[in-house]
Amino acid sequence: MAERHFKVWRGDAGGGQFEEYEVEVEDGMVVLDALHRIQAHQANDLAIRWNCKAGKCGSCSMEINGKPKLACMNRLSDYPEDFTIVVQPIKAFPLIKDLVTDVAWNYEQNKRIEPFTPRPRGADGEHRMMQDDIERVQEFRKCIECFLCQDVCHVLRDQDRKDAFAGPRFMIRAASLDMHPLDTADRIPALKEELGVGMCNITKCCTEVCPEHIKITDNGIIPLKERVVSRYYDPLMILLRKLKGLFGGT
C-alpha cells in the first residue's frame, strides 16, 4: 500500500487546529475512504457526517484543499502522490465538531418559501402541461442539499448576510416552484424582500461547485432577478399596471 499525507481540522466552536496523519491508501479510494481509515485506526473520535457514499445524500460536504466538495466524490488520484490533502469543515455555518457543521439555518429558509399552489384541474379532471415547461424546472429538482453552493456564496460566507439572503439553494427552490407551469402563487414580493434575490452578484461560484451540475445562476437566479426587476423597476411595466388599475384591469 502507498501512503498519503493528510491534514485534518480537529476542534469545535471553541477552537482547534489541523492534525496530520499518514494514511495507507489503495487505488480507487476517495477522500471519505481515507477519513474513515483515519477514524478507524488513528482518531476514533473524528467527527464526520456521511451517509450514502454515492454523491446523492449531500451529507459529506467539506472543504478539500480550500474548495467545497463532497468527500465521497473526490478521488485521491485527483492529487499528485506527494501532495498533502487538507480537509476542513465548510465555513459558512457554525462548527459543531471537527468536520461537522450546523446547517439547520438552511431548513428554516425552506419554510419561508410559499409551497406549490397548482391551478384548478381542467374540465376533464386533468392537469395539462407542455413537456418543455416541465423540463425547465426538472433541473432544479436534482438538488441534493449538500449546501456547497451556500458555503461558497460570498453573501453568506464573506458578508454573513443570512439575515437578508436565503442563498442559491433556496433561489433554485423558489425557481422550481415559480417556473412550474401549473403553479399560481406569487413569490415575487418574497424574493425581493425576505429572500433577498437582489443581493446575488452573479459570480456563478455556486454553479461551479454544484455536484449535480445545476446551472444555478443562469437558469435559476437570473430569471428570478428579471422577474423582480420587471415587477418593481421596469418603468414601462409600472405604467402598464397603473393603467390597468385605472381601467379596472388586473
C-alpha atoms as a PDB file:
ATOM      1  CA  MET A   1       0.000   0.000   0.000  1.00  0.00           C
ATOM      2  CA  ALA A   2       1.030   3.573  -0.664  1.00  0.00           C
ATOM      3  CA  GLU A   3       0.768   6.301   1.954  1.00  0.00           C
ATOM      4  CA  ARG A   4      -0.836   9.732   1.629  1.00  0.00           C
ATOM      5  CA  HIS A   5      -0.328  12.721   3.889  1.00  0.00           C
ATOM      6  CA  PHE A   6      -3.436  14.392   5.328  1.00  0.00           C
ATOM      7  CA  LYS A   7      -4.056  17.481   7.389  1.00  0.00           C
ATOM      8  CA  VAL A   8      -7.497  17.330   9.049  1.00  0.00           C
ATOM      9  CA  TRP A   9      -9.144  20.046  11.095  1.00  0.00           C
ATOM     10  CA  ARG A  10      -9.859  18.914  14.648  1.00  0.00           C
ATOM     11  CA  GLY A  11     -11.791  21.061  17.078  1.00  0.00           C
ATOM     12  CA  ASP A  12     -15.125  22.647  17.902  1.00  0.00           C
ATOM     13  CA  ALA A  13     -16.728  26.073  18.142  1.00  0.00           C
ATOM     14  CA  GLY A  14     -14.262  26.986  20.876  1.00  0.00           C
ATOM     15  CA  GLY A  15     -11.228  26.471  18.666  1.00  0.00           C
ATOM     16  CA  GLY A  16      -8.982  23.783  17.238  1.00  0.00           C
ATOM     17  CA  GLN A  17      -6.127  23.058  14.881  1.00  0.00           C
ATOM     18  CA  PHE A  18      -5.040  20.875  11.975  1.00  0.00           C
ATOM     19  CA  GLU A  19      -3.776  17.412  12.873  1.00  0.00           C
ATOM     20  CA  GLU A  20      -1.524  15.481  10.497  1.00  0.00           C
ATOM     21  CA  TYR A  21      -1.986  11.833   9.539  1.00  0.00           C
ATOM     22  CA  GLU A  22      -0.202   9.340   7.327  1.00  0.00           C
ATOM     23  CA  VAL A  23      -2.794   7.072   5.737  1.00  0.00           C
ATOM     24  CA  GLU A  24      -2.296   3.817   3.866  1.00  0.00           C
ATOM     25  CA  VAL A  25      -4.318   4.063   0.671  1.00  0.00           C
ATOM     26  CA  GLU A  26      -5.269   1.878  -2.268  1.00  0.00           C
ATOM     27  CA  ASP A  27      -6.216   2.551  -5.886  1.00  0.00           C
ATOM     28  CA  GLY A  28      -9.713   3.905  -6.315  1.00  0.00           C
ATOM     29  CA  MET A  29     -10.077   5.385  -2.842  1.00  0.00           C
ATOM     30  CA  VAL A  30     -11.879   8.682  -2.302  1.00  0.00           C
ATOM     31  CA  VAL A  31     -11.219  11.232   0.418  1.00  0.00           C
ATOM     32  CA  LEU A  32     -14.066   9.837   2.518  1.00  0.00           C
ATOM     33  CA  ASP A  33     -12.408   6.381   2.465  1.00  0.00           C
ATOM     34  CA  ALA A  34      -9.199   7.883   3.816  1.00  0.00           C
ATOM     35  CA  LEU A  35     -11.074   9.752   6.542  1.00  0.00           C
ATOM     36  CA  HIS A  36     -12.787   6.533   7.570  1.00  0.00           C
ATOM     37  CA  ARG A  37      -9.387   4.854   7.750  1.00  0.00           C
ATOM     38  CA  ILE A  38      -8.123   7.666   9.999  1.00  0.00           C
ATOM     39  CA  GLN A  39     -11.251   7.283  12.099  1.00  0.00           C
ATOM     40  CA  ALA A  40     -10.789   3.520  12.398  1.00  0.00           C
ATOM     41  CA  HIS A  41      -7.070   3.370  13.197  1.00  0.00           C
ATOM     42  CA  GLN A  42      -5.778   6.745  14.389  1.00  0.00           C
ATOM     43  CA  ALA A  43      -8.554   9.015  15.650  1.00  0.00           C
ATOM     44  CA  ASN A  44     -11.661   7.154  16.764  1.00  0.00           C
ATOM     45  CA  ASP A  45     -13.344  10.387  17.846  1.00  0.00           C
ATOM     46  CA  LEU A  46     -13.027  12.143  14.479  1.00  0.00           C
ATOM     47  CA  ALA A  47     -16.484  13.558  13.674  1.00  0.00           C
ATOM     48  CA  ILE A  48     -17.655  13.163  10.057  1.00  0.00           C
ATOM     49  CA  ARG A  49     -21.138  13.452   8.597  1.00  0.00           C
ATOM     50  CA  TRP A  50     -21.849  10.997   5.772  1.00  0.00           C
ATOM     51  CA  ASN A  51     -24.495   8.566   4.586  1.00  0.00           C
ATOM     52  CA  CYS A  52     -24.724   7.136   1.064  1.00  0.00           C
ATOM     53  CA  LYS A  53     -21.126   7.399  -0.228  1.00  0.00           C
ATOM     54  CA  ALA A  54     -22.627   7.760  -3.697  1.00  0.00           C
ATOM     55  CA  GLY A  55     -22.849  11.526  -4.129  1.00  0.00           C
ATOM     56  CA  LYS A  56     -26.618  11.616  -3.648  1.00  0.00           C
ATOM     57  CA  CYS A  57     -27.272  12.384   0.012  1.00  0.00           C
ATOM     58  CA  GLY A  58     -25.149  15.532   0.230  1.00  0.00           C
ATOM     59  CA  SER A  59     -24.028  14.711   3.771  1.00  0.00           C
ATOM     60  CA  CYS A  60     -20.221  14.638   3.404  1.00  0.00           C
ATOM     61  CA  SER A  61     -19.803  18.284   2.417  1.00  0.00           C
ATOM     62  CA  MET A  62     -16.442  19.728   3.447  1.00  0.00           C
ATOM     63  CA  GLU A  63     -13.603  21.820   2.072  1.00  0.00           C
ATOM     64  CA  ILE A  64     -10.778  19.857   0.471  1.00  0.00           C
ATOM     65  CA  ASN A  65      -7.689  21.920  -0.244  1.00  0.00           C
ATOM     66  CA  GLY A  66      -9.787  25.056   0.064  1.00  0.00           C
ATOM     67  CA  LYS A  67     -12.590  24.031  -2.296  1.00  0.00           C
ATOM     68  CA  PRO A  68     -16.106  22.965  -1.224  1.00  0.00           C
ATOM     69  CA  LYS A  69     -16.580  19.336  -2.291  1.00  0.00           C
ATOM     70  CA  LEU A  70     -18.280  16.061  -1.441  1.00  0.00           C
ATOM     71  CA  ALA A  71     -15.661  13.815   0.181  1.00  0.00           C
ATOM     72  CA  CYS A  72     -17.229  10.721  -1.368  1.00  0.00           C
ATOM     73  CA  MET A  73     -16.832  12.101  -4.902  1.00  0.00           C
ATOM     74  CA  ASN A  74     -13.270  13.421  -4.608  1.00  0.00           C
ATOM     75  CA  ARG A  75     -10.714  10.758  -5.589  1.00  0.00           C
ATOM     76  CA  LEU A  76      -7.247  10.653  -4.075  1.00  0.00           C
ATOM     77  CA  SER A  77      -5.900  10.156  -7.589  1.00  0.00           C
ATOM     78  CA  ASP A  78      -7.057  13.701  -8.372  1.00  0.00           C
ATOM     79  CA  TYR A  79      -3.967  14.893  -6.474  1.00  0.00           C
ATOM     80  CA  PRO A  80      -0.249  14.181  -7.023  1.00  0.00           C
ATOM     81  CA  GLU A  81       1.096  11.413  -4.774  1.00  0.00           C
ATOM     82  CA  ASP A  82       3.336  13.809  -2.820  1.00  0.00           C
ATOM     83  CA  PHE A  83       0.517  16.323  -2.347  1.00  0.00           C
ATOM     84  CA  THR A  84      -0.808  16.996   1.172  1.00  0.00           C
ATOM     85  CA  ILE A  85      -4.593  16.733   1.240  1.00  0.00           C
ATOM     86  CA  VAL A  86      -6.045  19.346   3.582  1.00  0.00           C
ATOM     87  CA  VAL A  87      -9.562  18.705   4.889  1.00  0.00           C
ATOM     88  CA  GLN A  88     -11.658  21.146   6.898  1.00  0.00           C
ATOM     89  CA  PRO A  89     -15.345  21.894   7.554  1.00  0.00           C
ATOM     90  CA  ILE A  90     -17.395  24.195   5.354  1.00  0.00           C
ATOM     91  CA  LYS A  91     -17.040  27.745   6.666  1.00  0.00           C
ATOM     92  CA  ALA A  92     -20.410  29.396   6.111  1.00  0.00           C
ATOM     93  CA  PHE A  93     -22.103  27.645   9.029  1.00  0.00           C
ATOM     94  CA  PRO A  94     -21.343  27.164  12.742  1.00  0.00           C
ATOM     95  CA  LEU A  95     -18.914  24.389  13.600  1.00  0.00           C
ATOM     96  CA  ILE A  96     -20.135  21.560  15.810  1.00  0.00           C
ATOM     97  CA  LYS A  97     -17.082  19.307  15.887  1.00  0.00           C
ATOM     98  CA  ASP A  98     -14.209  18.507  13.510  1.00  0.00           C
ATOM     99  CA  LEU A  99     -15.736  18.241  10.017  1.00  0.00           C
ATOM    100  CA  VAL A 100     -19.385  18.565  11.100  1.00  0.00           C
ATOM    101  CA  THR A 101     -21.222  21.890  10.911  1.00  0.00           C
ATOM    102  CA  ASP A 102     -24.692  23.003  11.952  1.00  0.00           C
ATOM    103  CA  VAL A 103     -26.703  23.586   8.765  1.00  0.00           C
ATOM    104  CA  ALA A 104     -30.089  23.915  10.493  1.00  0.00           C
ATOM    105  CA  TRP A 105     -30.396  27.531   9.282  1.00  0.00           C
ATOM    106  CA  ASN A 106     -30.931  26.242   5.752  1.00  0.00           C
ATOM    107  CA  TYR A 107     -34.031  24.289   6.670  1.00  0.00           C
ATOM    108  CA  GLU A 108     -35.557  27.384   8.224  1.00  0.00           C
ATOM    109  CA  GLN A 109     -35.151  29.187   4.885  1.00  0.00           C
ATOM    110  CA  ASN A 110     -37.101  26.479   3.145  1.00  0.00           C
ATOM    111  CA  LYS A 111     -40.120  27.203   5.350  1.00  0.00           C
ATOM    112  CA  ARG A 112     -40.181  30.815   4.111  1.00  0.00           C
ATOM    113  CA  ILE A 113     -40.898  29.816   0.501  1.00  0.00           C
ATOM    114  CA  GLU A 114     -44.576  29.558  -0.382  1.00  0.00           C
ATOM    115  CA  PRO A 115     -45.354  25.932  -1.307  1.00  0.00           C
ATOM    116  CA  PHE A 116     -46.562  24.641  -4.636  1.00  0.00           C
ATOM    117  CA  THR A 117     -50.025  26.064  -5.386  1.00  0.00           C
ATOM    118  CA  PRO A 118     -51.496  24.433  -8.514  1.00  0.00           C
ATOM    119  CA  ARG A 119     -54.244  25.913 -10.618  1.00  0.00           C
ATOM    120  CA  PRO A 120     -57.581  24.062 -10.684  1.00  0.00           C
ATOM    121  CA  ARG A 121     -57.807  20.963 -12.858  1.00  0.00           C
ATOM    122  CA  GLY A 122     -59.428  21.186 -16.263  1.00  0.00           C
ATOM    123  CA  ALA A 123     -62.988  20.130 -17.044  1.00  0.00           C
ATOM    124  CA  ASP A 124     -61.739  16.604 -17.732  1.00  0.00           C
ATOM    125  CA  GLY A 125     -60.101  16.439 -14.302  1.00  0.00           C
ATOM    126  CA  GLU A 126     -56.567  16.509 -15.712  1.00  0.00           C
ATOM    127  CA  HIS A 127     -53.605  18.850 -15.449  1.00  0.00           C
ATOM    128  CA  ARG A 128     -52.087  19.540 -18.857  1.00  0.00           C
ATOM    129  CA  MET A 129     -48.549  20.871 -19.382  1.00  0.00           C
ATOM    130  CA  MET A 130     -46.048  21.272 -22.177  1.00  0.00           C
ATOM    131  CA  GLN A 131     -43.026  18.989 -21.931  1.00  0.00           C
ATOM    132  CA  ASP A 132     -40.641  21.926 -22.437  1.00  0.00           C
ATOM    133  CA  ASP A 133     -42.084  23.623 -19.357  1.00  0.00           C
ATOM    134  CA  ILE A 134     -41.590  20.517 -17.247  1.00  0.00           C
ATOM    135  CA  GLU A 135     -38.011  20.033 -18.405  1.00  0.00           C
ATOM    136  CA  ARG A 136     -37.238  23.631 -17.483  1.00  0.00           C
ATOM    137  CA  VAL A 137     -37.886  23.044 -13.774  1.00  0.00           C
ATOM    138  CA  GLN A 138     -36.758  19.419 -13.622  1.00  0.00           C
ATOM    139  CA  GLU A 139     -33.109  20.509 -13.472  1.00  0.00           C
ATOM    140  CA  PHE A 140     -33.655  22.295 -10.145  1.00  0.00           C
ATOM    141  CA  ARG A 141     -35.121  19.178  -8.564  1.00  0.00           C
ATOM    142  CA  LYS A 142     -31.792  17.375  -8.854  1.00  0.00           C
ATOM    143  CA  CYS A 143     -30.516  19.344  -5.836  1.00  0.00           C
ATOM    144  CA  ILE A 144     -29.235  17.018  -3.069  1.00  0.00           C
ATOM    145  CA  GLU A 145     -28.968  19.808  -0.471  1.00  0.00           C
ATOM    146  CA  CYS A 146     -25.251  19.381   0.095  1.00  0.00           C
ATOM    147  CA  PHE A 147     -25.157  23.176   0.721  1.00  0.00           C
ATOM    148  CA  LEU A 148     -21.842  23.564  -1.081  1.00  0.00           C
ATOM    149  CA  CYS A 149     -23.426  26.416  -3.033  1.00  0.00           C
ATOM    150  CA  GLN A 150     -24.429  28.040   0.245  1.00  0.00           C
ATOM    151  CA  ASP A 151     -20.904  27.643   1.579  1.00  0.00           C
ATOM    152  CA  VAL A 152     -19.211  29.284  -1.402  1.00  0.00           C
ATOM    153  CA  CYS A 153     -21.729  32.130  -1.715  1.00  0.00           C
ATOM    154  CA  HIS A 154     -19.990  35.440  -0.963  1.00  0.00           C
ATOM    155  CA  VAL A 155     -23.125  36.979   0.518  1.00  0.00           C
ATOM    156  CA  LEU A 156     -23.495  34.218   3.105  1.00  0.00           C
ATOM    157  CA  ARG A 157     -19.861  33.349   3.727  1.00  0.00           C
ATOM    158  CA  ASP A 158     -17.943  36.627   3.488  1.00  0.00           C
ATOM    159  CA  GLN A 159     -20.660  39.164   4.284  1.00  0.00           C
ATOM    160  CA  ASP A 160     -22.628  36.884   6.649  1.00  0.00           C
ATOM    161  CA  ARG A 161     -25.941  38.309   5.424  1.00  0.00           C
ATOM    162  CA  LYS A 162     -28.042  35.367   6.497  1.00  0.00           C
ATOM    163  CA  ASP A 163     -30.461  37.953   7.831  1.00  0.00           C
ATOM    164  CA  ALA A 164     -31.280  39.162   4.309  1.00  0.00           C
ATOM    165  CA  PHE A 165     -30.378  36.451   1.761  1.00  0.00           C
ATOM    166  CA  ALA A 166     -31.616  32.863   1.641  1.00  0.00           C
ATOM    167  CA  GLY A 167     -28.784  31.701  -0.624  1.00  0.00           C
ATOM    168  CA  PRO A 168     -28.523  29.952  -4.003  1.00  0.00           C
ATOM    169  CA  ARG A 169     -30.009  26.661  -2.850  1.00  0.00           C
ATOM    170  CA  PHE A 170     -33.271  28.402  -1.999  1.00  0.00           C
ATOM    171  CA  MET A 171     -33.223  30.573  -5.072  1.00  0.00           C
ATOM    172  CA  ILE A 172     -33.453  27.404  -7.161  1.00  0.00           C
ATOM    173  CA  ARG A 173     -36.050  26.015  -4.773  1.00  0.00           C
ATOM    174  CA  ALA A 174     -38.136  29.124  -5.429  1.00  0.00           C
ATOM    175  CA  ALA A 175     -37.396  28.885  -9.167  1.00  0.00           C
ATOM    176  CA  SER A 176     -38.555  25.263  -9.297  1.00  0.00           C
ATOM    177  CA  LEU A 177     -41.936  26.409  -7.987  1.00  0.00           C
ATOM    178  CA  ASP A 178     -42.259  29.819  -9.613  1.00  0.00           C
ATOM    179  CA  MET A 179     -41.426  28.474 -13.083  1.00  0.00           C
ATOM    180  CA  HIS A 180     -43.673  25.439 -12.788  1.00  0.00           C
ATOM    181  CA  PRO A 181     -46.392  25.616 -15.476  1.00  0.00           C
ATOM    182  CA  LEU A 182     -49.175  24.776 -13.001  1.00  0.00           C
ATOM    183  CA  ASP A 183     -48.148  26.996 -10.099  1.00  0.00           C
ATOM    184  CA  THR A 184     -50.218  30.097  -9.310  1.00  0.00           C
ATOM    185  CA  ALA A 185     -48.517  31.519  -6.194  1.00  0.00           C
ATOM    186  CA  ASP A 186     -46.910  34.962  -6.324  1.00  0.00           C
ATOM    187  CA  ARG A 187     -43.425  34.693  -4.777  1.00  0.00           C
ATOM    188  CA  ILE A 188     -42.004  37.859  -6.346  1.00  0.00           C
ATOM    189  CA  PRO A 189     -42.565  40.082  -3.258  1.00  0.00           C
ATOM    190  CA  ALA A 190     -40.891  37.491  -1.020  1.00  0.00           C
ATOM    191  CA  LEU A 191     -37.985  37.075  -3.436  1.00  0.00           C
ATOM    192  CA  LYS A 192     -37.404  40.820  -3.344  1.00  0.00           C
ATOM    193  CA  GLU A 193     -37.832  41.407   0.382  1.00  0.00           C
ATOM    194  CA  GLU A 194     -37.472  38.291   2.533  1.00  0.00           C
ATOM    195  CA  LEU A 195     -35.317  36.042   0.357  1.00  0.00           C
ATOM    196  CA  GLY A 196     -33.127  38.845  -0.989  1.00  0.00           C
ATOM    197  CA  VAL A 197     -32.598  37.726  -4.585  1.00  0.00           C
ATOM    198  CA  GLY A 198     -31.256  41.190  -5.418  1.00  0.00           C
ATOM    199  CA  MET A 199     -28.211  40.592  -3.200  1.00  0.00           C
ATOM    200  CA  CYS A 200     -26.803  37.949  -5.556  1.00  0.00           C
ATOM    201  CA  ASN A 201     -23.951  39.485  -7.564  1.00  0.00           C
ATOM    202  CA  ILE A 202     -23.906  36.763 -10.269  1.00  0.00           C
ATOM    203  CA  THR A 203     -20.374  35.454  -9.690  1.00  0.00           C
ATOM    204  CA  LYS A 204     -21.573  31.931 -10.597  1.00  0.00           C
ATOM    205  CA  CYS A 205     -19.379  30.370  -7.898  1.00  0.00           C
ATOM    206  CA  CYS A 206     -22.419  28.398  -6.709  1.00  0.00           C
ATOM    207  CA  THR A 207     -22.781  26.807 -10.148  1.00  0.00           C
ATOM    208  CA  GLU A 208     -19.083  25.888 -10.200  1.00  0.00           C
ATOM    209  CA  VAL A 209     -19.270  23.781  -7.018  1.00  0.00           C
ATOM    210  CA  CYS A 210     -22.632  22.082  -7.633  1.00  0.00           C
ATOM    211  CA  PRO A 211     -22.060  18.295  -7.774  1.00  0.00           C
ATOM    212  CA  GLU A 212     -25.272  17.872  -9.782  1.00  0.00           C
ATOM    213  CA  HIS A 213     -24.104  20.463 -12.356  1.00  0.00           C
ATOM    214  CA  ILE A 214     -27.238  22.558 -11.950  1.00  0.00           C
ATOM    215  CA  LYS A 215     -26.930  25.894 -13.733  1.00  0.00           C
ATOM    216  CA  ILE A 216     -27.999  27.709 -10.584  1.00  0.00           C
ATOM    217  CA  THR A 217     -27.187  31.227 -11.735  1.00  0.00           C
ATOM    218  CA  ASP A 218     -28.070  31.176 -15.422  1.00  0.00           C
ATOM    219  CA  ASN A 219     -31.235  29.086 -15.247  1.00  0.00           C
ATOM    220  CA  GLY A 220     -32.495  29.946 -11.765  1.00  0.00           C
ATOM    221  CA  ILE A 221     -31.264  33.143 -10.150  1.00  0.00           C
ATOM    222  CA  ILE A 222     -31.045  35.383 -13.231  1.00  0.00           C
ATOM    223  CA  PRO A 223     -34.630  34.632 -14.393  1.00  0.00           C
ATOM    224  CA  LEU A 224     -35.869  35.327 -10.843  1.00  0.00           C
ATOM    225  CA  LYS A 225     -33.971  38.619 -10.737  1.00  0.00           C
ATOM    226  CA  GLU A 226     -35.509  39.528 -14.095  1.00  0.00           C
ATOM    227  CA  ARG A 227     -38.996  38.878 -12.721  1.00  0.00           C
ATOM    228  CA  VAL A 228     -38.324  41.103  -9.726  1.00  0.00           C
ATOM    229  CA  VAL A 229     -36.919  43.891 -11.940  1.00  0.00           C
ATOM    230  CA  SER A 230     -39.884  43.653 -14.274  1.00  0.00           C
ATOM    231  CA  ARG A 231     -42.314  43.927 -11.357  1.00  0.00           C
ATOM    232  CA  TYR A 232     -40.687  46.719  -9.392  1.00  0.00           C
ATOM    233  CA  TYR A 233     -38.240  48.637 -11.556  1.00  0.00           C
ATOM    234  CA  ASP A 234     -39.276  48.482 -15.234  1.00  0.00           C
ATOM    235  CA  PRO A 235     -40.952  51.870 -15.904  1.00  0.00           C
ATOM    236  CA  LEU A 236     -43.000  50.526 -18.812  1.00  0.00           C
ATOM    237  CA  MET A 237     -44.400  47.666 -16.736  1.00  0.00           C
ATOM    238  CA  ILE A 238     -45.114  50.028 -13.837  1.00  0.00           C
ATOM    239  CA  LEU A 239     -47.042  52.356 -16.164  1.00  0.00           C
ATOM    240  CA  LEU A 240     -48.949  49.431 -17.653  1.00  0.00           C
ATOM    241  CA  ARG A 241     -50.021  48.231 -14.219  1.00  0.00           C
ATOM    242  CA  LYS A 242     -51.163  51.744 -13.308  1.00  0.00           C
ATOM    243  CA  LEU A 243     -53.244  51.955 -16.478  1.00  0.00           C
ATOM    244  CA  LYS A 244     -54.775  48.573 -15.793  1.00  0.00           C
ATOM    245  CA  GLY A 245     -55.649  49.749 -12.311  1.00  0.00           C
ATOM    246  CA  LEU A 246     -57.309  52.890 -13.632  1.00  0.00           C
ATOM    247  CA  PHE A 247     -59.424  50.954 -16.110  1.00  0.00           C
ATOM    248  CA  GLY A 248     -60.259  48.047 -13.841  1.00  0.00           C
ATOM    249  CA  GLY A 249     -57.741  45.582 -15.277  1.00  0.00           C
ATOM    250  CA  THR A 250     -55.708  43.068 -13.312  1.00  0.00           C
END
